[in-house]
């Protein structure tokens, strides 16, 4: 973690973007109430803010011109990272992607599924996280341990009066009722619960283990189901089965999903904002083969960042902020065959051109919490030479036409 995962909102307070919970109640300077990851972010020293090319210092204008030439001269460009950018910076990154005819994908695992995001086809019954705290008298943690991925979720959004039943292959990190189900049986478990909710029970070897959960569901007046984002290599079947179960429960009494996208260490503080922006502008949360707001091709499991990098289909990448760890690892493994332009507070890939910009701590703007709630943040006052991420991206965008002319 670094200080670039934190945003200040008020005197003496801050919003932490270490994960998509965007905790807005952090007291400075001691970072009280922050989890251990947020505290490390708040107290870490600032990163360098000088442009570099392969680690060598470069004047800002020269670095911007070199970045524009690299991107314009590429056969195919990927725009990635994006998960910690404000909504304004996302719009600027999208404009650059459109100017380059680039692919754009921030690493949402849902778009790495061959059939695409399940929710786009089946719908989803969700609620704000606060609904779980205020209304749910039963919480089901479905194949997720929030304490590990979103450390303050239980503290902030689960009522101590509501019982929690954790379902999964291993115990949760806090005392609660446990139902141990192997990962391989997740779909079968969701389907059995769907049949139970519809009053059409089926025969299953899982029935004895799921019976206590079924009984608790029958007795509940309002149910919140906490769920993780899909696995990057998933088929989408589990997400489909889970959506069917939650819809079936919602027909009996208030019941809703509480999706927890991203998590600690995933560079995804604005994962919900990225998904919303990409869907609004391009029709899908990622895997856009060519950025075009008039109808960019959505290519699930074809144009997601990891596959484009792995298949060698791109020769240049624009990384906005920190990329997800798997994408960073793939870019490192690709070596010099992919030219890199990084815009942000950190140099994640130790080669290519780095255009420094304010990290989230210093960057005012807006993000969406994991449940879609808008969070407005006023950044700190950084050093005069530190520009907002959106500003750096806009300046890079204006440099692209001159680079295109030079190429001709």
Protein backbone atom coordinates (compact mmCIF):
# COMPACT_ATOMS: atom_id res chain seq x y z
CA UNK A 1 0.00 0.00 0.00
CA UNK A 2 1.00 3.61 -0.46
CA UNK A 3 -0.39 6.98 0.45
CA UNK A 4 -1.90 7.08 -3.01
CA UNK A 5 -4.79 4.90 -1.86
CA UNK A 6 -6.21 7.57 0.41
CA UNK A 7 -8.26 10.72 -0.17
CA UNK A 8 -8.93 13.57 2.23
CA UNK A 9 -12.53 14.71 2.58
CA UNK A 10 -12.56 17.16 5.48
CA UNK A 11 -10.31 18.70 8.07
CA UNK A 12 -9.13 15.92 10.31
CA UNK A 13 -10.74 13.20 8.20
CA UNK A 14 -10.05 11.15 5.12
CA UNK A 15 -11.57 8.61 2.77
CA UNK A 16 -9.46 5.49 2.34
CA UNK A 17 -9.46 3.92 -1.12
CA UNK A 18 -7.47 0.83 -0.20
CA UNK A 19 -10.59 -1.16 -1.11
CA UNK A 20 -14.02 -0.33 -2.58
CA UNK A 21 -15.57 0.32 0.84
CA UNK A 22 -14.18 3.89 0.62
CA UNK A 23 -14.27 4.31 4.39
CA UNK A 24 -15.00 8.00 4.99
CA UNK A 25 -14.59 8.19 8.75
CA UNK A 26 -10.80 8.12 9.12
CA UNK A 27 -9.30 10.62 11.56
CA UNK A 28 -5.94 12.16 10.74
CA UNK A 29 -3.11 12.41 11.50
CA UNK A 30 -3.13 9.20 13.53
CA UNK A 31 -5.32 7.32 11.00
CA UNK A 32 -7.60 6.10 13.75
CA UNK A 33 -10.48 3.83 12.71
CA UNK A 34 -8.57 2.80 9.56
CA UNK A 35 -7.80 -0.89 9.09
CA UNK A 36 -4.17 -1.93 9.06
CA UNK A 37 -4.00 -1.51 5.28
CA UNK A 38 -5.57 1.93 5.35
CA UNK A 39 -3.31 3.01 8.18
CA UNK A 40 -0.25 1.95 6.20
CA UNK A 41 -1.56 3.93 3.24
CA UNK A 42 -2.20 7.07 5.25
CA UNK A 43 1.17 7.04 6.96
CA UNK A 44 3.36 6.08 3.97
CA UNK A 45 5.70 8.71 2.46
CA UNK A 46 4.83 10.35 -0.82
CA UNK A 47 6.18 8.87 -4.06
CA UNK A 48 8.57 10.81 -6.38
CA UNK A 49 6.92 13.19 -8.82
CA UNK A 50 9.50 13.59 -11.60
CA UNK A 51 8.88 12.25 -15.14
CA UNK A 52 11.14 9.40 -16.18
CA UNK A 53 11.98 7.33 -19.25
CA UNK A 54 13.35 3.90 -18.38
CA UNK A 55 14.15 5.30 -14.95
CA UNK A 56 16.03 8.34 -16.25
CA UNK A 57 14.69 11.83 -15.42
CA UNK A 58 13.04 13.70 -18.28
CA UNK A 59 11.53 17.18 -18.61
CA UNK A 60 7.72 17.13 -18.40
CA UNK A 61 7.16 18.39 -21.95
CA UNK A 62 9.67 15.94 -23.39
CA UNK A 63 8.17 13.04 -21.43
CA UNK A 64 4.65 13.90 -22.61
CA UNK A 65 5.80 14.17 -26.23
CA UNK A 66 7.66 10.85 -26.01
CA UNK A 67 4.59 9.17 -24.50
CA UNK A 68 2.37 10.52 -27.28
CA UNK A 69 4.79 9.29 -29.96
CA UNK A 70 4.96 5.84 -28.40
CA UNK A 71 1.18 5.52 -28.28
CA UNK A 72 0.55 6.94 -31.74
CA UNK A 73 3.22 4.72 -33.28
CA UNK A 74 1.85 1.50 -31.79
CA UNK A 75 -0.01 -1.11 -33.80
CA UNK A 76 -2.53 -1.66 -31.01
CA UNK A 77 -2.81 0.00 -27.61
CA UNK A 78 -4.39 -1.22 -24.38
CA UNK A 79 -5.61 1.26 -21.75
CA UNK A 80 -5.66 -0.40 -18.34
CA UNK A 81 -5.18 0.29 -14.63
CA UNK A 82 -8.09 2.70 -14.04
CA UNK A 83 -9.42 1.07 -10.85
CA UNK A 84 -8.26 3.86 -8.53
CA UNK A 85 -8.99 6.80 -10.85
CA UNK A 86 -11.71 9.33 -10.14
CA UNK A 87 -14.71 9.49 -12.46
CA UNK A 88 -13.25 12.59 -14.11
CA UNK A 89 -9.93 10.87 -14.76
CA UNK A 90 -11.77 7.84 -16.16
CA UNK A 91 -13.49 10.11 -18.69
CA UNK A 92 -10.12 11.53 -19.74
CA UNK A 93 -8.65 8.03 -20.08
CA UNK A 94 -11.63 7.02 -22.21
CA UNK A 95 -11.08 10.03 -24.48
CA UNK A 96 -7.46 8.96 -25.00
CA UNK A 97 -8.52 5.38 -25.73
CA UNK A 98 -11.00 6.63 -28.32
CA UNK A 99 -8.40 8.89 -29.95
CA UNK A 100 -6.06 5.90 -30.29
CA UNK A 101 -8.70 3.32 -31.19
CA UNK A 102 -7.35 1.42 -28.18
CA UNK A 103 -8.73 -1.52 -26.27
CA UNK A 104 -9.80 -0.62 -22.74
CA UNK A 105 -10.06 -2.97 -19.76
CA UNK A 106 -9.31 -2.45 -16.09
CA UNK A 107 -9.29 -6.11 -15.05
CA UNK A 108 -12.88 -6.77 -13.93
CA UNK A 109 -12.97 -10.59 -13.64
CA UNK A 110 -16.56 -10.66 -14.95
CA UNK A 111 -15.41 -9.75 -18.45
CA UNK A 112 -12.84 -12.55 -18.49
CA UNK A 113 -15.72 -15.04 -18.49
CA UNK A 114 -16.45 -16.39 -21.97
CA UNK A 115 -20.16 -15.64 -21.71
CA UNK A 116 -19.58 -12.17 -20.30
CA UNK A 117 -20.99 -10.68 -17.09
CA UNK A 118 -23.83 -12.79 -15.77
CA UNK A 119 -25.67 -9.75 -14.44
CA UNK A 120 -26.05 -8.29 -17.92
CA UNK A 121 -28.22 -11.29 -18.83
CA UNK A 122 -29.91 -12.27 -15.59
CA UNK A 123 -30.27 -9.07 -13.58
CA UNK A 124 -29.32 -8.60 -9.96
CA UNK A 125 -31.15 -7.81 -6.72
CA UNK A 126 -28.85 -5.55 -4.70
CA UNK A 127 -29.02 -2.91 -2.00
CA UNK A 128 -26.78 -0.32 -0.41
CA UNK A 129 -24.46 -1.73 2.22
CA UNK A 130 -26.30 0.32 4.84
CA UNK A 131 -29.42 -1.76 4.16
CA UNK A 132 -27.67 -4.81 5.56
CA UNK A 133 -26.90 -2.98 8.79
CA UNK A 134 -30.32 -1.36 9.13
CA UNK A 135 -32.68 -4.06 7.86
CA UNK A 136 -31.19 -7.54 7.53
CA UNK A 137 -31.91 -9.92 10.39
CA UNK A 138 -29.84 -12.63 8.70
CA UNK A 139 -26.59 -12.27 6.76
CA UNK A 140 -25.10 -14.98 4.58
CA UNK A 141 -21.40 -14.63 3.69
CA UNK A 142 -21.30 -16.68 0.51
CA UNK A 143 -17.84 -18.04 -0.34
CA UNK A 144 -16.16 -14.87 0.94
CA UNK A 145 -14.40 -13.81 4.13
CA UNK A 146 -14.97 -10.03 4.23
CA UNK A 147 -12.49 -9.63 7.07
CA UNK A 148 -9.72 -10.68 4.70
CA UNK A 149 -10.75 -8.80 1.55
CA UNK A 150 -12.70 -5.77 2.89
CA UNK A 151 -11.58 -5.51 6.52
CA UNK A 152 -14.08 -2.97 7.86
CA UNK A 153 -17.20 -4.26 6.11
CA UNK A 154 -18.38 -6.29 9.10
CA UNK A 155 -17.70 -3.41 11.51
CA UNK A 156 -19.43 -0.77 9.37
CA UNK A 157 -22.27 -2.60 7.67
CA UNK A 158 -23.32 -5.66 9.66
CA UNK A 159 -25.53 -5.28 12.72
CA UNK A 160 -24.17 -7.13 15.76
CA UNK A 161 -27.75 -8.28 16.36
CA UNK A 162 -28.03 -10.08 13.01
CA UNK A 163 -26.67 -13.63 12.91
CA UNK A 164 -24.13 -14.40 10.19
CA UNK A 165 -23.85 -17.75 8.44
CA UNK A 166 -20.65 -18.24 6.51
CA UNK A 167 -20.74 -20.70 3.62
CA UNK A 168 -17.50 -21.78 1.98
CA UNK A 169 -14.64 -24.25 1.83
CA UNK A 170 -12.74 -22.85 4.84
CA UNK A 171 -13.67 -21.10 8.09
CA UNK A 172 -14.14 -17.34 8.22
CA UNK A 173 -11.76 -15.13 10.15
CA UNK A 174 -14.27 -14.34 12.91
CA UNK A 175 -16.65 -16.34 15.09
CA UNK A 176 -19.88 -17.10 13.22
CA UNK A 177 -22.00 -20.06 12.16
CA UNK A 178 -20.13 -22.12 9.58
CA UNK A 179 -21.36 -24.37 6.77
CA UNK A 180 -18.43 -26.02 5.07
CA UNK A 181 -19.04 -26.54 1.34
CA UNK A 182 -16.19 -27.37 -1.07
CA UNK A 183 -15.62 -24.83 -3.83
CA UNK A 184 -16.46 -27.49 -6.40
CA UNK A 185 -19.97 -27.75 -4.90
CA UNK A 186 -20.83 -24.04 -4.95
CA UNK A 187 -23.15 -24.31 -7.98
CA UNK A 188 -24.91 -27.38 -6.60
CA UNK A 189 -25.43 -25.65 -3.26
CA UNK A 190 -26.90 -22.52 -4.89
CA UNK A 191 -29.22 -24.65 -7.04
CA UNK A 192 -30.45 -26.65 -4.04
CA UNK A 193 -31.20 -23.41 -2.17
CA UNK A 194 -33.04 -22.07 -5.24
CA UNK A 195 -35.23 -25.16 -5.35
CA UNK A 196 -35.89 -24.86 -1.62
CA UNK A 197 -36.88 -21.19 -1.94
CA UNK A 198 -39.29 -22.09 -4.76
CA UNK A 199 -40.90 -24.81 -2.67
CA UNK A 200 -39.60 -27.56 -4.92
CA UNK A 201 -36.95 -29.32 -2.82
CA UNK A 202 -34.58 -31.65 -4.63
CA UNK A 203 -32.55 -34.63 -3.49
CA UNK A 204 -28.91 -33.72 -2.89
CA UNK A 205 -26.02 -35.00 -0.83
CA UNK A 206 -25.57 -31.38 0.30
CA UNK A 207 -29.05 -31.19 1.84
CA UNK A 208 -28.03 -32.19 5.39
CA UNK A 209 -25.31 -29.53 5.48
CA UNK A 210 -27.53 -26.83 3.95
CA UNK A 211 -30.58 -27.61 6.08
CA UNK A 212 -29.61 -25.20 8.92
CA UNK A 213 -29.18 -22.39 6.39
CA UNK A 214 -32.50 -23.23 4.77
CA UNK A 215 -34.23 -23.13 8.15
CA UNK A 216 -32.65 -19.76 8.99
CA UNK A 217 -33.72 -18.38 5.61
CA UNK A 218 -37.28 -19.58 6.17
CA UNK A 219 -37.42 -17.74 9.50
CA UNK A 220 -35.76 -14.50 8.39
CA UNK A 221 -37.66 -11.29 7.65
CA UNK A 222 -34.86 -9.71 5.58
CA UNK A 223 -31.71 -11.38 4.20
CA UNK A 224 -28.44 -9.84 3.02
CA UNK A 225 -26.13 -12.09 1.00
CA UNK A 226 -22.51 -10.95 0.88
CA UNK A 227 -20.72 -12.16 -2.25
CA UNK A 228 -17.33 -11.75 -3.91
CA UNK A 229 -16.55 -10.75 -7.48
CA UNK A 230 -16.26 -13.73 -9.86
CA UNK A 231 -13.01 -15.59 -10.25
CA UNK A 232 -10.89 -14.40 -13.17
CA UNK A 233 -10.97 -17.83 -14.81
CA UNK A 234 -14.59 -18.65 -13.98
CA UNK A 235 -17.19 -19.89 -16.42
CA UNK A 236 -20.00 -17.72 -15.09
CA UNK A 237 -22.08 -20.73 -14.02
CA UNK A 238 -21.63 -20.01 -10.30
CA UNK A 239 -22.63 -16.36 -10.74
CA UNK A 240 -25.72 -17.42 -12.69
CA UNK A 241 -26.75 -19.97 -10.04
CA UNK A 242 -26.19 -17.43 -7.27
CA UNK A 243 -28.28 -14.78 -9.05
CA UNK A 244 -31.10 -17.28 -9.50
CA UNK A 245 -31.03 -18.17 -5.81
CA UNK A 246 -31.06 -14.54 -4.64
CA UNK A 247 -33.96 -13.69 -6.96
CA UNK A 248 -35.88 -16.68 -5.65
CA UNK A 249 -35.27 -15.61 -2.05
CA UNK A 250 -36.38 -12.06 -2.89
CA UNK A 251 -39.76 -13.39 -4.03
CA UNK A 252 -40.42 -14.65 -0.50
CA UNK A 253 -39.35 -11.60 1.52
CA UNK A 254 -36.83 -8.75 1.20
CA UNK A 255 -33.53 -10.34 0.18
CA UNK A 256 -30.62 -8.77 -1.64
CA UNK A 257 -27.03 -9.31 -2.72
CA UNK A 258 -24.22 -7.23 -1.25
CA UNK A 259 -21.44 -7.51 -3.86
CA UNK A 260 -17.91 -6.77 -2.68
CA UNK A 261 -15.82 -6.02 -5.79
CA UNK A 262 -12.05 -6.00 -5.72
CA UNK A 263 -10.52 -5.89 -2.28
CA UNK A 264 -7.31 -5.19 -0.42
CA UNK A 265 -4.28 -5.21 -2.72
CA UNK A 266 -6.37 -5.29 -5.91
CA UNK A 267 -5.93 -1.59 -6.93
CA UNK A 268 -9.70 -1.39 -7.21
CA UNK A 269 -10.92 1.35 -4.88
CA UNK A 270 -13.16 2.72 -7.63
CA UNK A 271 -14.03 -0.66 -9.16
CA UNK A 272 -17.73 0.21 -9.11
CA UNK A 273 -17.04 3.59 -10.70
CA UNK A 274 -14.94 2.01 -13.44
CA UNK A 275 -17.64 -0.57 -14.20
CA UNK A 276 -20.33 2.13 -14.27
CA UNK A 277 -18.28 4.46 -16.48
CA UNK A 278 -17.31 1.77 -18.96
CA UNK A 279 -20.85 0.40 -19.12
CA UNK A 280 -22.35 3.85 -19.62
CA UNK A 281 -19.91 4.83 -22.35
CA UNK A 282 -19.19 1.50 -24.08
CA UNK A 283 -21.97 -0.84 -22.99
CA UNK A 284 -19.92 -3.22 -20.80
CA UNK A 285 -17.67 -3.00 -17.72
CA UNK A 286 -14.53 -3.89 -19.67
CA UNK A 287 -13.05 -6.05 -22.45
CA UNK A 288 -13.81 -3.32 -24.98
CA UNK A 289 -11.89 -4.28 -28.12
CA UNK A 290 -11.89 -0.75 -29.52
CA UNK A 291 -12.99 2.24 -27.47
CA UNK A 292 -15.84 3.88 -29.37
CA UNK A 293 -18.80 5.45 -27.61
CA UNK A 294 -20.90 4.88 -30.75
CA UNK A 295 -20.52 1.15 -30.33
CA UNK A 296 -17.21 -0.33 -29.25
CA UNK A 297 -17.04 -4.12 -29.58
CA UNK A 298 -17.49 -5.94 -26.27
CA UNK A 299 -15.33 -9.07 -26.45
CA UNK A 300 -15.50 -11.03 -23.18
CA UNK A 301 -12.61 -13.45 -22.71
CA UNK A 302 -11.08 -11.96 -25.88
CA UNK A 303 -10.27 -8.31 -25.20
CA UNK A 304 -9.72 -8.47 -21.44
CA UNK A 305 -6.31 -7.11 -20.48
CA UNK A 306 -4.71 -10.41 -19.45
CA UNK A 307 -5.60 -12.15 -22.70
CA UNK A 308 -4.51 -9.23 -24.90
CA UNK A 309 -1.16 -9.12 -23.13
CA UNK A 310 -0.72 -12.90 -23.03
CA UNK A 311 -1.50 -13.38 -26.73
CA UNK A 312 0.84 -10.57 -27.77
CA UNK A 313 -1.96 -8.61 -29.46
CA UNK A 314 -0.83 -5.24 -28.13
CA UNK A 315 2.50 -3.51 -28.50
CA UNK A 316 1.82 -0.52 -26.25
CA UNK A 317 -0.07 0.03 -23.01
CA UNK A 318 -1.28 3.11 -21.17
CA UNK A 319 -1.48 2.31 -17.46
CA UNK A 320 -3.63 4.79 -15.52
CA UNK A 321 -2.81 4.59 -11.83
CA UNK A 322 -1.89 1.18 -10.44
CA UNK A 323 -2.96 -1.90 -12.41
CA UNK A 324 -4.37 -4.98 -10.74
CA UNK A 325 -1.56 -7.30 -9.58
CA UNK A 326 -2.18 -9.95 -12.25
CA UNK A 327 -2.02 -7.32 -15.00
CA UNK A 328 1.16 -5.81 -13.55
CA UNK A 329 2.74 -9.28 -13.46
CA UNK A 330 1.75 -9.93 -17.08
CA UNK A 331 3.26 -6.63 -18.22
CA UNK A 332 6.47 -7.36 -16.34
CA UNK A 333 6.65 -10.79 -17.98
CA UNK A 334 6.06 -9.27 -21.44
CA UNK A 335 9.30 -7.31 -21.21
CA UNK A 336 10.28 -4.89 -23.95
CA UNK A 337 7.82 -6.24 -26.50
CA UNK A 338 5.18 -3.93 -25.00
CA UNK A 339 5.95 -0.23 -24.72
CA UNK A 340 4.62 1.25 -21.47
CA UNK A 341 3.28 4.67 -20.60
CA UNK A 342 2.31 5.01 -16.94
CA UNK A 343 0.34 7.96 -15.59
CA UNK A 344 0.04 8.12 -11.83
CA UNK A 345 1.85 8.51 -8.54
CA UNK A 346 3.79 5.24 -8.68
CA UNK A 347 6.08 3.54 -11.16
CA UNK A 348 4.69 0.03 -11.13
CA UNK A 349 6.43 -1.15 -14.32
CA UNK A 350 10.14 -0.21 -14.05
CA UNK A 351 10.52 0.67 -17.72
CA UNK A 352 8.92 2.91 -20.30
CA UNK A 353 7.67 6.44 -19.70
CA UNK A 354 6.22 7.57 -16.38
CA UNK A 355 4.17 10.76 -16.24
CA UNK A 356 3.69 11.58 -12.55
CA UNK A 357 0.29 12.65 -11.29
CA UNK A 358 -1.38 13.10 -7.95
CA UNK A 359 -2.32 9.88 -6.25
CA UNK A 360 -5.81 9.55 -4.79
CA UNK A 361 -4.66 11.20 -1.58
CA UNK A 362 -4.08 14.44 -3.45
CA UNK A 363 -6.64 14.12 -6.22
CA UNK A 364 -10.09 15.69 -5.67
CA UNK A 365 -12.99 14.08 -7.46
CA UNK A 366 -15.67 11.45 -7.18
CA UNK A 367 -15.72 7.68 -6.83
CA UNK A 368 -18.41 5.05 -6.38
CA UNK A 369 -18.41 2.85 -3.31
CA UNK A 370 -18.71 -0.87 -4.01
CA UNK A 371 -22.51 -0.65 -3.71
CA UNK A 372 -22.70 2.26 -6.17
CA UNK A 373 -23.00 5.08 -3.62
CA UNK A 374 -21.30 8.29 -4.78
CA UNK A 375 -18.40 9.53 -2.63
CA UNK A 376 -17.23 13.10 -3.17
CA UNK A 377 -13.75 13.91 -1.97
CA UNK A 378 -11.71 17.11 -1.72
CA UNK A 379 -8.01 16.29 -2.09
CA UNK A 380 -5.16 17.71 -0.10
CA UNK A 381 -3.05 20.55 -1.44
CA UNK A 382 -0.03 18.76 -2.94
CA UNK A 383 3.21 20.38 -4.04
CA UNK A 384 2.69 22.80 -6.96
CA UNK A 385 4.46 20.48 -9.41
CA UNK A 386 2.06 17.60 -8.69
CA UNK A 387 -0.81 17.71 -11.19
CA UNK A 388 -4.18 16.01 -10.90
CA UNK A 389 -4.45 12.69 -12.70
CA UNK A 390 -7.19 14.04 -14.96
CA UNK A 391 -5.04 17.07 -15.83
CA UNK A 392 -2.06 14.93 -16.84
CA UNK A 393 -4.30 12.72 -18.99
CA UNK A 394 -5.90 15.75 -20.66
CA UNK A 395 -2.48 17.17 -21.48
CA UNK A 396 -1.42 13.84 -22.92
CA UNK A 397 -4.58 13.84 -25.04
CA UNK A 398 -3.72 17.25 -26.52
CA UNK A 399 -0.24 15.97 -27.39
CA UNK A 400 -1.61 13.10 -29.50
CA UNK A 401 -2.52 15.13 -32.61
CA UNK A 402 0.96 16.68 -32.80
CA UNK A 403 2.48 13.24 -32.42
CA UNK A 404 0.29 11.96 -35.25
CA UNK A 405 1.41 14.85 -37.47
CA UNK A 406 5.05 14.08 -36.66
CA UNK A 407 4.48 10.44 -37.58
CA UNK A 408 3.24 11.45 -41.03
